[in-house]
Amino acid sequence: MLECDYIVKQIDGDYAHLQRVDQPEAELKLVARALLPADIYEGCELHYAMMQYSMK
C-alpha cells in the first residue's frame, strides 16, 4: 500500500496541488480539498497512508 509525504504547493479554490517529497520532478497531484485536513496551508507537509491525508 502506498505511503508517502506531500508538500502543498498551491491552494486553488476547492483543490490543492501536491508535490511528492521523494519525487520533486514528478507532476503535481491535484486533490480535492474535501479529502484533505481543513487546516492546510501552502507549504505545509501532509502524510498519505491508508487512503487518508494527515498533517505532519
N, C-alpha and C. Protein backbone atom coordinates (compact mmCIF):
# COMPACT_ATOMS: atom_id res chain seq x y z
N MET A 1 0.84 -1.18 0.00
CA MET A 1 0.00 0.00 0.00
C MET A 1 0.89 1.24 0.00
N LEU A 2 0.48 2.24 -0.76
CA LEU A 2 1.27 3.46 -0.90
C LEU A 2 1.27 4.26 0.41
N GLU A 3 2.44 4.72 0.78
CA GLU A 3 2.60 5.60 1.93
C GLU A 3 3.68 6.60 1.56
N CYS A 4 3.34 7.90 1.59
CA CYS A 4 4.31 8.92 1.18
C CYS A 4 3.95 10.27 1.79
N ASP A 5 4.84 11.24 1.58
CA ASP A 5 4.65 12.60 2.08
C ASP A 5 4.53 13.56 0.92
N TYR A 6 3.73 14.59 1.12
CA TYR A 6 3.50 15.62 0.11
C TYR A 6 3.71 17.00 0.72
N ILE A 7 4.02 17.97 -0.12
CA ILE A 7 4.04 19.38 0.25
C ILE A 7 2.92 20.05 -0.53
N VAL A 8 2.14 20.89 0.15
CA VAL A 8 1.08 21.64 -0.52
C VAL A 8 1.74 22.81 -1.24
N LYS A 9 1.79 22.74 -2.56
CA LYS A 9 2.44 23.77 -3.36
C LYS A 9 1.52 24.94 -3.64
N GLN A 10 0.22 24.65 -3.84
CA GLN A 10 -0.72 25.71 -4.17
C GLN A 10 -2.12 25.29 -3.77
N ILE A 11 -2.89 26.24 -3.27
CA ILE A 11 -4.31 26.01 -2.98
C ILE A 11 -5.09 26.84 -3.99
N ASP A 12 -5.97 26.18 -4.71
CA ASP A 12 -6.71 26.81 -5.80
C ASP A 12 -8.19 26.52 -5.63
N GLY A 13 -8.87 27.35 -4.86
CA GLY A 13 -10.30 27.15 -4.62
C GLY A 13 -10.55 25.86 -3.86
N ASP A 14 -11.29 24.94 -4.49
CA ASP A 14 -11.65 23.68 -3.85
C ASP A 14 -10.61 22.59 -4.06
N TYR A 15 -9.46 22.94 -4.62
CA TYR A 15 -8.42 21.95 -4.92
C TYR A 15 -7.07 22.40 -4.38
N ALA A 16 -6.21 21.43 -4.15
CA ALA A 16 -4.83 21.71 -3.74
C ALA A 16 -3.90 20.94 -4.67
N HIS A 17 -2.78 21.57 -4.99
CA HIS A 17 -1.75 20.94 -5.82
C HIS A 17 -0.66 20.43 -4.89
N LEU A 18 -0.43 19.13 -4.91
CA LEU A 18 0.52 18.49 -4.00
C LEU A 18 1.74 17.98 -4.76
N GLN A 19 2.90 18.12 -4.13
CA GLN A 19 4.15 17.62 -4.70
C GLN A 19 4.72 16.57 -3.77
N ARG A 20 5.04 15.39 -4.34
CA ARG A 20 5.65 14.34 -3.53
C ARG A 20 7.05 14.74 -3.10
N VAL A 21 7.36 14.56 -1.85
CA VAL A 21 8.66 14.94 -1.30
C VAL A 21 9.77 14.10 -1.93
N ASP A 22 9.53 12.81 -2.12
CA ASP A 22 10.57 11.93 -2.64
C ASP A 22 10.67 11.93 -4.17
N GLN A 23 9.77 12.66 -4.85
CA GLN A 23 9.79 12.76 -6.31
C GLN A 23 9.53 14.21 -6.74
N PRO A 24 10.45 15.12 -6.42
CA PRO A 24 10.20 16.54 -6.72
C PRO A 24 10.06 16.85 -8.21
N GLU A 25 10.58 15.98 -9.08
CA GLU A 25 10.49 16.23 -10.51
C GLU A 25 9.16 15.75 -11.10
N ALA A 26 8.39 14.99 -10.34
CA ALA A 26 7.11 14.46 -10.81
C ALA A 26 6.07 15.57 -10.94
N GLU A 27 5.05 15.29 -11.73
CA GLU A 27 3.96 16.23 -11.91
C GLU A 27 3.20 16.41 -10.60
N LEU A 28 2.66 17.62 -10.39
CA LEU A 28 1.87 17.87 -9.18
C LEU A 28 0.58 17.07 -9.22
N LYS A 29 0.12 16.68 -8.05
CA LYS A 29 -1.11 15.90 -7.92
C LYS A 29 -2.23 16.85 -7.50
N LEU A 30 -3.32 16.84 -8.22
CA LEU A 30 -4.47 17.69 -7.92
C LEU A 30 -5.44 16.90 -7.05
N VAL A 31 -5.74 17.43 -5.84
CA VAL A 31 -6.58 16.73 -4.87
C VAL A 31 -7.67 17.68 -4.38
N ALA A 32 -8.89 17.19 -4.30
CA ALA A 32 -9.99 17.98 -3.76
C ALA A 32 -9.74 18.29 -2.29
N ARG A 33 -9.96 19.54 -1.90
CA ARG A 33 -9.71 19.93 -0.51
C ARG A 33 -10.61 19.21 0.48
N ALA A 34 -11.74 18.71 0.01
CA ALA A 34 -12.64 17.95 0.89
C ALA A 34 -11.96 16.67 1.40
N LEU A 35 -10.95 16.18 0.69
CA LEU A 35 -10.23 14.98 1.10
C LEU A 35 -9.04 15.27 2.00
N LEU A 36 -8.75 16.55 2.20
CA LEU A 36 -7.57 16.97 2.97
C LEU A 36 -7.98 17.55 4.32
N PRO A 37 -7.05 17.61 5.28
CA PRO A 37 -7.37 18.25 6.56
C PRO A 37 -7.80 19.72 6.34
N ALA A 38 -8.70 20.19 7.14
CA ALA A 38 -9.26 21.53 6.96
C ALA A 38 -8.24 22.65 7.16
N ASP A 39 -7.22 22.42 7.97
CA ASP A 39 -6.28 23.50 8.33
C ASP A 39 -5.01 23.52 7.48
N ILE A 40 -5.06 22.99 6.25
CA ILE A 40 -3.86 23.02 5.40
C ILE A 40 -3.57 24.44 4.95
N TYR A 41 -2.32 24.68 4.58
CA TYR A 41 -1.89 25.96 4.03
C TYR A 41 -0.76 25.68 3.06
N GLU A 42 -0.49 26.63 2.17
CA GLU A 42 0.58 26.45 1.19
C GLU A 42 1.91 26.30 1.91
N GLY A 43 2.63 25.25 1.57
CA GLY A 43 3.92 24.97 2.19
C GLY A 43 3.89 23.94 3.29
N CYS A 44 2.70 23.56 3.75
CA CYS A 44 2.63 22.55 4.83
C CYS A 44 2.90 21.16 4.26
N GLU A 45 3.25 20.24 5.15
CA GLU A 45 3.52 18.85 4.75
C GLU A 45 2.38 17.96 5.16
N LEU A 46 2.03 17.05 4.27
CA LEU A 46 0.98 16.08 4.52
C LEU A 46 1.55 14.68 4.43
N HIS A 47 1.00 13.78 5.20
CA HIS A 47 1.38 12.38 5.13
C HIS A 47 0.18 11.61 4.58
N TYR A 48 0.44 10.75 3.60
CA TYR A 48 -0.61 9.95 2.98
C TYR A 48 -0.39 8.49 3.34
N ALA A 49 -1.39 7.89 3.95
CA ALA A 49 -1.36 6.46 4.29
C ALA A 49 -2.79 5.97 4.44
N MET A 50 -3.02 4.71 4.02
CA MET A 50 -4.33 4.08 4.17
C MET A 50 -5.44 4.93 3.54
N MET A 51 -5.14 5.55 2.39
CA MET A 51 -6.09 6.36 1.63
C MET A 51 -6.56 7.60 2.39
N GLN A 52 -5.73 8.12 3.32
CA GLN A 52 -6.07 9.32 4.10
C GLN A 52 -4.88 10.24 4.17
N TYR A 53 -5.14 11.54 4.17
CA TYR A 53 -4.11 12.56 4.33
C TYR A 53 -4.16 13.11 5.75
N SER A 54 -3.00 13.35 6.33
CA SER A 54 -2.95 13.95 7.67
C SER A 54 -1.81 14.96 7.71
N MET A 55 -1.94 15.95 8.59
CA MET A 55 -0.88 16.96 8.76
C MET A 55 0.32 16.28 9.41
N LYS A 56 1.48 16.70 8.99
CA LYS A 56 2.71 16.15 9.54
C LYS A 56 3.22 16.97 10.68
